[in-house]
Structures are given as structure tokens and as C-alpha cells.
Amino acid sequence: MSTITRDMDPPATAANEALGSRAAKVVHLTTVHVWHDTRVFVKQCRSLARAGHEVILIAPETPEGGLPEELVKFRALPRTEFRPKRMTHTAAQAFRAALREDADVYHLHDFELLPVGLALRLAGRRVVYDAHEDLGRMLLAKPWLPRILRPLVAAVRKATGGQIWCMSWAL
């Protein structure tokens, strides 16, 4: 069984070091990205599966019954564009699906899944949050962020030098 290579994301390397040479069960969660997202599915999920790890992708509208010849397993979530429902109902469904998998590592890809990550962490699970962008800058431009909160986000971003918003980190 191969191990996670050093040239992959630091969370993968950390998981490899924590688990030794045994294969890990890794669950990727997203409520925002399509299941076939290049970064999530192709670069991360498939790479881990081809390296011998068991990989489950919990995402909206995944292929029913999986794909022929695909090493990655899928767990479907409903697709909703209505943000409040996605951040509550769909996130709760993702949390329940994640717990059913009893994985070694849970890898979150969406800012709105941070409460799910915290709940998984409180349940004793290993969690990685992977920010795909400069979240602080992105949040400042979001129309759904109340204007009154934007100075606070800007201040936190400035105080951290933007670093906490644009890197992968374990919860």
C-alpha cells in the first residue's frame, strides 16, 4: 500500500505521518462545489484513491451508484442555491453523512462547513479545512455579508496579514 506523497497538500502529509504507512479513510465534504470540481475531485480525491487510500466524496448531485472504474466513492447531497438552507439543512446532512463514514480524516472545502468541522472535531475526529482562496478578501466582496461586519473582517484580515484566510489548516 502506498503512502501519501510529500508533494501533496500539507494536510495529506500530516495525515500520512499520523497514520504511518497504513491506508487512510479520507472523507471530503463540500456543499458548494460540484462533485467533479477539478481541485476537489481530480487533484485531491482521485490522487489519494490512486495512492491506495479509501476516499469518499460527500457532495451535491454526485453520480448515482458512483462511476464505473472510479476508485472514489460518492455520497450524494441535495443541490440548493439558497444559501441559508445550504448553510443549515444541507450542512446538517453533510455532518450526518460524514459521521456514518467513521473516517480517519475529514477534509472540508467550504467556509460554510466550518461549523460542521467544529462539530466533527468536538466528536473527536481529525478535521482539515482547505481554503481555496483568499477568504478575507473574498468575504469583503460578498453581497450577503452585512456591511456592518465588513470592517471587522477587514481588520482581522489585516491583523493576520491575510495568512489565516488563505492556507490549509487543521481544526
N, C-alpha and C. Protein backbone atom coordinates (compact mmCIF):
# COMPACT_ATOMS: atom_id res chain seq x y z
N MET A 1 0.85 -1.18 0.00
CA MET A 1 0.00 0.00 0.00
C MET A 1 0.90 1.24 0.00
N SER A 2 0.65 2.14 -0.91
CA SER A 2 1.50 3.34 -0.96
C SER A 2 1.05 4.37 0.07
N THR A 3 1.91 5.31 0.34
CA THR A 3 1.58 6.36 1.29
C THR A 3 1.31 7.65 0.55
N ILE A 4 0.77 8.63 1.25
CA ILE A 4 0.50 9.92 0.66
C ILE A 4 1.84 10.60 0.38
N THR A 5 2.02 11.09 -0.82
CA THR A 5 3.32 11.64 -1.20
C THR A 5 3.55 13.02 -0.60
N ARG A 6 4.82 13.37 -0.46
CA ARG A 6 5.21 14.64 0.15
C ARG A 6 4.83 15.85 -0.68
N ASP A 7 4.63 15.69 -2.00
CA ASP A 7 4.33 16.86 -2.82
C ASP A 7 2.85 17.21 -2.82
N MET A 8 2.05 16.51 -2.04
CA MET A 8 0.63 16.84 -1.92
C MET A 8 0.44 17.89 -0.83
N ASP A 9 -0.80 18.26 -0.62
CA ASP A 9 -1.12 19.27 0.39
C ASP A 9 -0.56 18.89 1.75
N PRO A 10 -0.13 19.88 2.56
CA PRO A 10 0.35 19.59 3.92
C PRO A 10 -0.62 18.78 4.76
N PRO A 11 -1.96 18.99 4.65
CA PRO A 11 -2.85 18.14 5.46
C PRO A 11 -2.71 16.67 5.10
N ALA A 12 -2.50 16.35 3.82
CA ALA A 12 -2.31 14.95 3.43
C ALA A 12 -1.03 14.40 4.04
N THR A 13 0.02 15.19 4.04
CA THR A 13 1.27 14.77 4.63
C THR A 13 1.11 14.56 6.13
N ALA A 14 0.40 15.47 6.78
CA ALA A 14 0.16 15.33 8.22
C ALA A 14 -0.63 14.07 8.52
N ALA A 15 -1.63 13.78 7.69
CA ALA A 15 -2.42 12.57 7.89
C ALA A 15 -1.55 11.34 7.71
N ASN A 16 -0.70 11.37 6.71
CA ASN A 16 0.20 10.25 6.47
C ASN A 16 1.12 10.01 7.66
N GLU A 17 1.67 11.07 8.22
CA GLU A 17 2.56 10.94 9.36
C GLU A 17 1.82 10.42 10.59
N ALA A 18 0.57 10.85 10.76
CA ALA A 18 -0.22 10.41 11.90
C ALA A 18 -0.62 8.94 11.78
N LEU A 19 -0.82 8.48 10.55
CA LEU A 19 -1.32 7.12 10.34
C LEU A 19 -0.23 6.12 9.99
N GLY A 20 0.99 6.60 9.78
CA GLY A 20 2.06 5.70 9.38
C GLY A 20 1.85 5.25 7.94
N SER A 21 2.18 4.01 7.66
CA SER A 21 2.10 3.54 6.28
C SER A 21 0.75 2.91 5.94
N ARG A 22 -0.15 2.80 6.88
CA ARG A 22 -1.43 2.18 6.56
C ARG A 22 -2.30 3.13 5.75
N ALA A 23 -3.17 2.57 4.97
CA ALA A 23 -4.08 3.37 4.15
C ALA A 23 -5.06 4.11 5.04
N ALA A 24 -5.34 5.34 4.68
CA ALA A 24 -6.29 6.15 5.44
C ALA A 24 -7.65 6.13 4.77
N LYS A 25 -8.67 6.32 5.57
CA LYS A 25 -10.01 6.56 5.04
C LYS A 25 -10.22 8.06 5.16
N VAL A 26 -10.37 8.72 4.00
CA VAL A 26 -10.48 10.18 3.94
C VAL A 26 -11.83 10.56 3.36
N VAL A 27 -12.56 11.40 4.08
CA VAL A 27 -13.84 11.90 3.59
C VAL A 27 -13.68 13.37 3.23
N HIS A 28 -14.00 13.69 1.99
CA HIS A 28 -14.02 15.09 1.53
C HIS A 28 -15.46 15.56 1.55
N LEU A 29 -15.68 16.77 2.08
CA LEU A 29 -17.03 17.32 2.15
C LEU A 29 -17.10 18.67 1.44
N THR A 30 -18.13 18.84 0.63
CA THR A 30 -18.43 20.13 0.03
C THR A 30 -19.93 20.24 -0.17
N THR A 31 -20.46 21.41 0.09
CA THR A 31 -21.87 21.69 -0.20
C THR A 31 -21.98 22.73 -1.31
N VAL A 32 -20.84 23.30 -1.70
CA VAL A 32 -20.81 24.38 -2.68
C VAL A 32 -20.33 23.89 -4.05
N HIS A 33 -19.23 23.15 -4.06
CA HIS A 33 -18.61 22.73 -5.32
C HIS A 33 -19.37 21.57 -5.96
N VAL A 34 -19.33 21.50 -7.29
CA VAL A 34 -19.88 20.35 -7.99
C VAL A 34 -18.97 19.16 -7.70
N TRP A 35 -19.51 17.96 -7.78
CA TRP A 35 -18.74 16.76 -7.41
C TRP A 35 -17.50 16.60 -8.27
N HIS A 36 -17.54 17.03 -9.52
CA HIS A 36 -16.41 16.84 -10.42
C HIS A 36 -15.46 18.04 -10.45
N ASP A 37 -15.52 18.89 -9.44
CA ASP A 37 -14.63 20.05 -9.32
C ASP A 37 -13.17 19.58 -9.48
N THR A 38 -12.42 20.30 -10.31
CA THR A 38 -11.05 19.89 -10.62
C THR A 38 -10.17 19.79 -9.38
N ARG A 39 -10.23 20.79 -8.51
CA ARG A 39 -9.35 20.79 -7.34
C ARG A 39 -9.75 19.69 -6.35
N VAL A 40 -11.04 19.61 -6.06
CA VAL A 40 -11.51 18.66 -5.05
C VAL A 40 -11.45 17.23 -5.57
N PHE A 41 -12.14 16.96 -6.67
CA PHE A 41 -12.28 15.58 -7.15
C PHE A 41 -11.02 15.07 -7.86
N VAL A 42 -10.58 15.79 -8.87
CA VAL A 42 -9.48 15.28 -9.69
C VAL A 42 -8.15 15.34 -8.95
N LYS A 43 -7.80 16.51 -8.43
CA LYS A 43 -6.46 16.68 -7.84
C LYS A 43 -6.33 16.06 -6.46
N GLN A 44 -7.39 16.08 -5.67
CA GLN A 44 -7.25 15.58 -4.30
C GLN A 44 -7.85 14.18 -4.12
N CYS A 45 -9.14 14.03 -4.41
CA CYS A 45 -9.78 12.73 -4.17
C CYS A 45 -9.17 11.62 -5.01
N ARG A 46 -9.08 11.85 -6.31
CA ARG A 46 -8.52 10.80 -7.17
C ARG A 46 -7.06 10.50 -6.84
N SER A 47 -6.29 11.53 -6.55
CA SER A 47 -4.87 11.30 -6.22
C SER A 47 -4.73 10.44 -4.98
N LEU A 48 -5.51 10.73 -3.96
CA LEU A 48 -5.46 9.92 -2.74
C LEU A 48 -5.92 8.49 -3.00
N ALA A 49 -6.99 8.33 -3.78
CA ALA A 49 -7.51 6.99 -4.07
C ALA A 49 -6.48 6.19 -4.86
N ARG A 50 -5.83 6.82 -5.83
CA ARG A 50 -4.82 6.11 -6.62
C ARG A 50 -3.58 5.76 -5.80
N ALA A 51 -3.37 6.49 -4.70
CA ALA A 51 -2.25 6.19 -3.81
C ALA A 51 -2.61 5.07 -2.82
N GLY A 52 -3.84 4.53 -2.94
CA GLY A 52 -4.22 3.39 -2.12
C GLY A 52 -5.11 3.70 -0.93
N HIS A 53 -5.54 4.94 -0.81
CA HIS A 53 -6.39 5.32 0.31
C HIS A 53 -7.86 5.18 -0.06
N GLU A 54 -8.68 4.92 0.94
CA GLU A 54 -10.13 4.87 0.72
C GLU A 54 -10.64 6.31 0.78
N VAL A 55 -11.32 6.75 -0.28
CA VAL A 55 -11.76 8.13 -0.38
C VAL A 55 -13.25 8.18 -0.66
N ILE A 56 -13.94 8.98 0.13
CA ILE A 56 -15.37 9.20 -0.04
C ILE A 56 -15.57 10.70 -0.25
N LEU A 57 -16.32 11.05 -1.28
CA LEU A 57 -16.65 12.45 -1.55
C LEU A 57 -18.13 12.66 -1.27
N ILE A 58 -18.40 13.51 -0.27
CA ILE A 58 -19.78 13.90 0.06
C ILE A 58 -20.00 15.25 -0.59
N ALA A 59 -20.87 15.27 -1.61
CA ALA A 59 -21.05 16.48 -2.41
C ALA A 59 -22.44 16.50 -3.04
N PRO A 60 -22.86 17.68 -3.51
CA PRO A 60 -24.17 17.77 -4.18
C PRO A 60 -24.19 17.00 -5.50
N GLU A 61 -25.30 16.33 -5.72
CA GLU A 61 -25.61 15.70 -7.01
C GLU A 61 -24.50 14.79 -7.52
N THR A 62 -23.96 13.95 -6.66
CA THR A 62 -22.94 13.01 -7.11
C THR A 62 -23.60 11.93 -7.97
N PRO A 63 -22.83 11.23 -8.80
CA PRO A 63 -23.39 10.20 -9.68
C PRO A 63 -24.05 9.09 -8.86
N GLU A 64 -25.26 8.73 -9.23
CA GLU A 64 -26.00 7.66 -8.55
C GLU A 64 -25.24 6.35 -8.71
N GLY A 65 -24.87 5.74 -7.62
CA GLY A 65 -24.15 4.47 -7.66
C GLY A 65 -22.68 4.59 -8.04
N GLY A 66 -22.17 5.82 -8.13
CA GLY A 66 -20.76 6.02 -8.46
C GLY A 66 -20.51 5.96 -9.96
N LEU A 67 -19.26 5.91 -10.32
CA LEU A 67 -18.84 5.82 -11.73
C LEU A 67 -18.13 4.50 -11.95
N PRO A 68 -18.34 3.88 -13.11
CA PRO A 68 -17.60 2.64 -13.38
C PRO A 68 -16.10 2.90 -13.35
N GLU A 69 -15.36 1.98 -12.79
CA GLU A 69 -13.90 2.07 -12.75
C GLU A 69 -13.37 3.19 -11.85
N GLU A 70 -14.23 3.88 -11.13
CA GLU A 70 -13.80 5.00 -10.28
C GLU A 70 -13.45 4.47 -8.90
N LEU A 71 -12.30 4.87 -8.37
CA LEU A 71 -11.87 4.46 -7.04
C LEU A 71 -12.53 5.28 -5.94
N VAL A 72 -12.94 6.51 -6.25
CA VAL A 72 -13.57 7.38 -5.26
C VAL A 72 -15.03 6.97 -5.10
N LYS A 73 -15.48 6.87 -3.85
CA LYS A 73 -16.89 6.56 -3.58
C LYS A 73 -17.63 7.88 -3.34
N PHE A 74 -18.91 7.88 -3.65
CA PHE A 74 -19.71 9.10 -3.55
C PHE A 74 -20.86 8.94 -2.57
N ARG A 75 -21.17 10.04 -1.89
CA ARG A 75 -22.37 10.15 -1.06
C ARG A 75 -23.06 11.44 -1.48
N ALA A 76 -24.27 11.32 -1.94
CA ALA A 76 -24.97 12.47 -2.53
C ALA A 76 -25.62 13.37 -1.48
N LEU A 77 -25.52 14.66 -1.74
CA LEU A 77 -26.26 15.68 -1.00
C LEU A 77 -27.17 16.39 -2.00
N PRO A 78 -28.27 16.96 -1.52
CA PRO A 78 -29.11 17.72 -2.46
C PRO A 78 -28.43 19.03 -2.84
N ARG A 79 -28.62 19.46 -4.05
CA ARG A 79 -28.09 20.75 -4.51
C ARG A 79 -29.12 21.83 -4.18
N THR A 80 -28.66 22.90 -3.53
CA THR A 80 -29.52 24.05 -3.29
C THR A 80 -28.70 25.31 -3.47
N GLU A 81 -29.27 26.26 -4.16
CA GLU A 81 -28.61 27.55 -4.37
C GLU A 81 -29.00 28.55 -3.28
N PHE A 82 -30.01 28.19 -2.46
CA PHE A 82 -30.49 29.08 -1.40
C PHE A 82 -29.54 28.96 -0.22
N ARG A 83 -28.67 29.96 -0.07
CA ARG A 83 -27.58 29.91 0.91
C ARG A 83 -28.02 29.56 2.33
N PRO A 84 -29.06 30.19 2.89
CA PRO A 84 -29.43 29.82 4.27
C PRO A 84 -29.78 28.34 4.43
N LYS A 85 -30.44 27.77 3.44
CA LYS A 85 -30.77 26.34 3.51
C LYS A 85 -29.50 25.50 3.38
N ARG A 86 -28.61 25.88 2.48
CA ARG A 86 -27.36 25.15 2.29
C ARG A 86 -26.50 25.20 3.55
N MET A 87 -26.50 26.35 4.25
CA MET A 87 -25.66 26.52 5.43
C MET A 87 -26.25 25.85 6.67
N THR A 88 -27.50 25.44 6.60
CA THR A 88 -28.15 24.81 7.75
C THR A 88 -28.53 23.37 7.43
N HIS A 89 -29.57 23.21 6.64
CA HIS A 89 -30.11 21.88 6.34
C HIS A 89 -29.10 20.99 5.61
N THR A 90 -28.52 21.49 4.53
CA THR A 90 -27.57 20.68 3.76
C THR A 90 -26.30 20.42 4.58
N ALA A 91 -25.85 21.40 5.34
CA ALA A 91 -24.67 21.20 6.20
C ALA A 91 -24.94 20.12 7.25
N ALA A 92 -26.15 20.12 7.81
CA ALA A 92 -26.51 19.08 8.79
C ALA A 92 -26.52 17.71 8.13
N GLN A 93 -27.00 17.62 6.89
CA GLN A 93 -26.98 16.35 6.16
C GLN A 93 -25.53 15.90 5.91
N ALA A 94 -24.67 16.85 5.58
CA ALA A 94 -23.26 16.53 5.35
C ALA A 94 -22.62 16.01 6.64
N PHE A 95 -22.95 16.63 7.76
CA PHE A 95 -22.41 16.19 9.05
C PHE A 95 -22.83 14.76 9.37
N ARG A 96 -24.12 14.46 9.20
CA ARG A 96 -24.61 13.10 9.47
C ARG A 96 -23.96 12.08 8.54
N ALA A 97 -23.83 12.44 7.26
CA ALA A 97 -23.19 11.53 6.30
C ALA A 97 -21.73 11.30 6.66
N ALA A 98 -21.05 12.35 7.10
CA ALA A 98 -19.65 12.24 7.48
C ALA A 98 -19.48 11.32 8.68
N LEU A 99 -20.31 11.48 9.68
CA LEU A 99 -20.22 10.62 10.87
C LEU A 99 -20.44 9.15 10.53
N ARG A 100 -21.34 8.88 9.60
CA ARG A 100 -21.61 7.49 9.20
C ARG A 100 -20.37 6.82 8.60
N GLU A 101 -19.47 7.61 8.05
CA GLU A 101 -18.29 7.05 7.39
C GLU A 101 -17.19 6.64 8.36
N ASP A 102 -17.16 7.20 9.55
CA ASP A 102 -16.14 6.87 10.56
C ASP A 102 -14.73 6.88 9.94
N ALA A 103 -14.35 8.02 9.37
CA ALA A 103 -13.08 8.16 8.65
C ALA A 103 -11.92 8.50 9.58
N ASP A 104 -10.70 8.38 9.04
CA ASP A 104 -9.50 8.81 9.74
C ASP A 104 -9.34 10.33 9.67
N VAL A 105 -9.72 10.90 8.52
CA VAL A 105 -9.57 12.34 8.27
C VAL A 105 -10.80 12.85 7.54
N TYR A 106 -11.27 14.03 7.94
CA TYR A 106 -12.37 14.72 7.27
C TYR A 106 -11.81 16.00 6.67
N HIS A 107 -11.96 16.17 5.36
CA HIS A 107 -11.37 17.30 4.64
C HIS A 107 -12.50 18.19 4.13
N LEU A 108 -12.63 19.40 4.69
CA LEU A 108 -13.70 20.33 4.33
C LEU A 108 -13.20 21.34 3.30
N HIS A 109 -14.06 21.67 2.34
CA HIS A 109 -13.67 22.56 1.26
C HIS A 109 -14.44 23.87 1.23
N ASP A 110 -15.36 24.09 2.15
CA ASP A 110 -16.20 25.29 2.11
C ASP A 110 -16.19 26.01 3.45
N PHE A 111 -16.09 27.32 3.36
CA PHE A 111 -16.14 28.17 4.56
C PHE A 111 -17.39 27.89 5.38
N GLU A 112 -18.51 27.70 4.69
CA GLU A 112 -19.76 27.50 5.42
C GLU A 112 -19.83 26.14 6.12
N LEU A 113 -18.86 25.27 5.89
CA LEU A 113 -18.81 23.99 6.59
C LEU A 113 -17.96 24.04 7.86
N LEU A 114 -17.43 25.21 8.19
CA LEU A 114 -16.62 25.30 9.42
C LEU A 114 -17.39 24.86 10.67
N PRO A 115 -18.69 25.19 10.81
CA PRO A 115 -19.41 24.65 11.98
C PRO A 115 -19.47 23.12 11.97
N VAL A 116 -19.58 22.53 10.79
CA VAL A 116 -19.57 21.06 10.68
C VAL A 116 -18.20 20.54 11.12
N GLY A 117 -17.14 21.22 10.68
CA GLY A 117 -15.79 20.82 11.09
C GLY A 117 -15.60 20.91 12.60
N LEU A 118 -16.12 21.95 13.18
CA LEU A 118 -16.03 22.11 14.63
C LEU A 118 -16.80 20.99 15.35
N ALA A 119 -17.99 20.66 14.84
CA ALA A 119 -18.78 19.57 15.44
C ALA A 119 -18.05 18.24 15.30
N LEU A 120 -17.45 18.00 14.13
CA LEU A 120 -16.68 16.76 13.95
C LEU A 120 -15.49 16.72 14.91
N ARG A 121 -14.84 17.87 15.07
CA ARG A 121 -13.68 17.95 15.98
C ARG A 121 -14.12 17.68 17.42
N LEU A 122 -15.25 18.24 17.81
CA LEU A 122 -15.77 18.00 19.17
C LEU A 122 -16.15 16.54 19.37
N ALA A 123 -16.46 15.85 18.25
CA ALA A 123 -16.76 14.42 18.31
C ALA A 123 -15.49 13.58 18.25
N GLY A 124 -14.32 14.25 18.32
CA GLY A 124 -13.05 13.54 18.37
C GLY A 124 -12.45 13.17 17.03
N ARG A 125 -12.95 13.76 15.95
CA ARG A 125 -12.46 13.43 14.62
C ARG A 125 -11.33 14.37 14.19
N ARG A 126 -10.45 13.89 13.29
CA ARG A 126 -9.41 14.73 12.68
C ARG A 126 -10.05 15.49 11.52
N VAL A 127 -9.86 16.80 11.52
CA VAL A 127 -10.51 17.65 10.52
C VAL A 127 -9.48 18.57 9.88
N VAL A 128 -9.60 18.72 8.56
CA VAL A 128 -8.78 19.67 7.81
C VAL A 128 -9.72 20.61 7.07
N TYR A 129 -9.47 21.90 7.18
CA TYR A 129 -10.21 22.89 6.39
C TYR A 129 -9.27 23.42 5.32
N ASP A 130 -9.69 23.34 4.09
CA ASP A 130 -8.87 23.74 2.96
C ASP A 130 -9.50 24.97 2.31
N ALA A 131 -8.92 26.13 2.58
CA ALA A 131 -9.41 27.37 1.96
C ALA A 131 -8.87 27.44 0.54
N HIS A 132 -9.76 27.55 -0.42
CA HIS A 132 -9.36 27.56 -1.82
C HIS A 132 -9.04 28.96 -2.33
N GLU A 133 -9.17 29.95 -1.49
CA GLU A 133 -9.00 31.31 -1.95
C GLU A 133 -8.61 32.21 -0.77
N ASP A 134 -8.35 33.45 -1.07
CA ASP A 134 -8.10 34.43 -0.02
C ASP A 134 -9.47 34.78 0.56
N LEU A 135 -9.86 34.04 1.56
CA LEU A 135 -11.21 34.14 2.11
C LEU A 135 -11.53 35.54 2.63
N GLY A 136 -10.58 36.16 3.31
CA GLY A 136 -10.83 37.51 3.83
C GLY A 136 -11.18 38.49 2.73
N ARG A 137 -10.42 38.48 1.66
CA ARG A 137 -10.69 39.38 0.53
C ARG A 137 -12.01 39.01 -0.13
N MET A 138 -12.26 37.73 -0.28
CA MET A 138 -13.48 37.27 -0.91
C MET A 138 -14.71 37.69 -0.10
N LEU A 139 -14.63 37.55 1.22
CA LEU A 139 -15.77 37.90 2.07
C LEU A 139 -16.12 39.38 1.97
N LEU A 140 -15.11 40.23 1.82
CA LEU A 140 -15.37 41.66 1.73
C LEU A 140 -16.22 42.03 0.52
N ALA A 141 -16.20 41.19 -0.49
CA ALA A 141 -16.96 41.47 -1.71
C ALA A 141 -18.30 40.76 -1.76
N LYS A 142 -18.61 39.94 -0.78
CA LYS A 142 -19.85 39.17 -0.80
C LYS A 142 -21.05 40.05 -0.46
N PRO A 143 -22.06 40.05 -1.32
CA PRO A 143 -23.24 40.88 -1.05
C PRO A 143 -24.05 40.40 0.16
N TRP A 144 -23.92 39.13 0.53
CA TRP A 144 -24.68 38.62 1.66
C TRP A 144 -24.04 38.95 3.01
N LEU A 145 -22.78 39.41 3.01
CA LEU A 145 -22.14 39.81 4.27
C LEU A 145 -22.63 41.20 4.64
N PRO A 146 -23.29 41.37 5.78
CA PRO A 146 -23.79 42.69 6.16
C PRO A 146 -22.66 43.73 6.18
N ARG A 147 -22.94 44.88 5.65
CA ARG A 147 -21.93 45.95 5.58
C ARG A 147 -21.34 46.28 6.94
N ILE A 148 -22.13 46.15 7.98
CA ILE A 148 -21.66 46.48 9.32
C ILE A 148 -20.53 45.54 9.78
N LEU A 149 -20.49 44.31 9.23
CA LEU A 149 -19.46 43.33 9.61
C LEU A 149 -18.20 43.43 8.76
N ARG A 150 -18.26 44.11 7.62
CA ARG A 150 -17.11 44.17 6.72
C ARG A 150 -15.87 44.81 7.35
N PRO A 151 -16.01 45.90 8.13
CA PRO A 151 -14.80 46.44 8.77
C PRO A 151 -14.14 45.44 9.73
N LEU A 152 -14.95 44.64 10.41
CA LEU A 152 -14.40 43.62 11.32
C LEU A 152 -13.61 42.58 10.52
N VAL A 153 -14.18 42.10 9.42
CA VAL A 153 -13.49 41.13 8.57
C VAL A 153 -12.20 41.73 8.04
N ALA A 154 -12.27 42.99 7.60
CA ALA A 154 -11.07 43.67 7.08
C ALA A 154 -10.00 43.80 8.16
N ALA A 155 -10.41 44.10 9.39
CA ALA A 155 -9.46 44.25 10.49
C ALA A 155 -8.78 42.92 10.83
N VAL A 156 -9.57 41.84 10.86
CA VAL A 156 -9.00 40.52 11.15
C VAL A 156 -8.03 40.13 10.03
N ARG A 157 -8.43 40.39 8.80
CA ARG A 157 -7.57 40.07 7.66
C ARG A 157 -6.26 40.84 7.76
N LYS A 158 -6.35 42.13 8.10
CA LYS A 158 -5.14 42.96 8.20
C LYS A 158 -4.26 42.50 9.37
N ALA A 159 -4.90 42.20 10.50
CA ALA A 159 -4.15 41.79 11.70
C ALA A 159 -3.40 40.48 11.48
N THR A 160 -3.96 39.61 10.66
CA THR A 160 -3.31 38.32 10.41
C THR A 160 -2.42 38.35 9.17
N GLY A 161 -2.33 39.49 8.54
CA GLY A 161 -1.54 39.59 7.32
C GLY A 161 -2.16 38.78 6.19
N GLY A 162 -3.44 38.46 6.34
CA GLY A 162 -4.13 37.66 5.33
C GLY A 162 -3.80 36.19 5.39
N GLN A 163 -2.85 35.81 6.24
CA GLN A 163 -2.36 34.43 6.23
C GLN A 163 -3.38 33.40 6.68
N ILE A 164 -4.14 33.71 7.70
CA ILE A 164 -5.06 32.71 8.21
C ILE A 164 -6.19 32.42 7.22
N TRP A 165 -6.41 33.32 6.30
CA TRP A 165 -7.52 33.18 5.37
C TRP A 165 -7.16 32.38 4.13
N CYS A 166 -5.90 32.15 3.86
CA CYS A 166 -5.56 31.56 2.56
C CYS A 166 -4.64 30.35 2.67
N MET A 167 -4.78 29.59 3.72
CA MET A 167 -3.95 28.41 3.85
C MET A 167 -4.78 27.26 4.39
N SER A 168 -4.32 26.06 4.21
CA SER A 168 -4.99 24.90 4.78
C SER A 168 -4.56 24.77 6.23
N TRP A 169 -5.47 24.39 7.09
CA TRP A 169 -5.11 24.21 8.49
C TRP A 169 -6.00 23.17 9.12
N ALA A 170 -5.50 22.52 10.10
CA ALA A 170 -6.25 21.51 10.80
C ALA A 170 -7.01 22.14 11.96
N LEU A 171 -8.25 21.75 12.11
CA LEU A 171 -9.06 22.26 13.23
C LEU A 171 -8.74 21.48 14.48
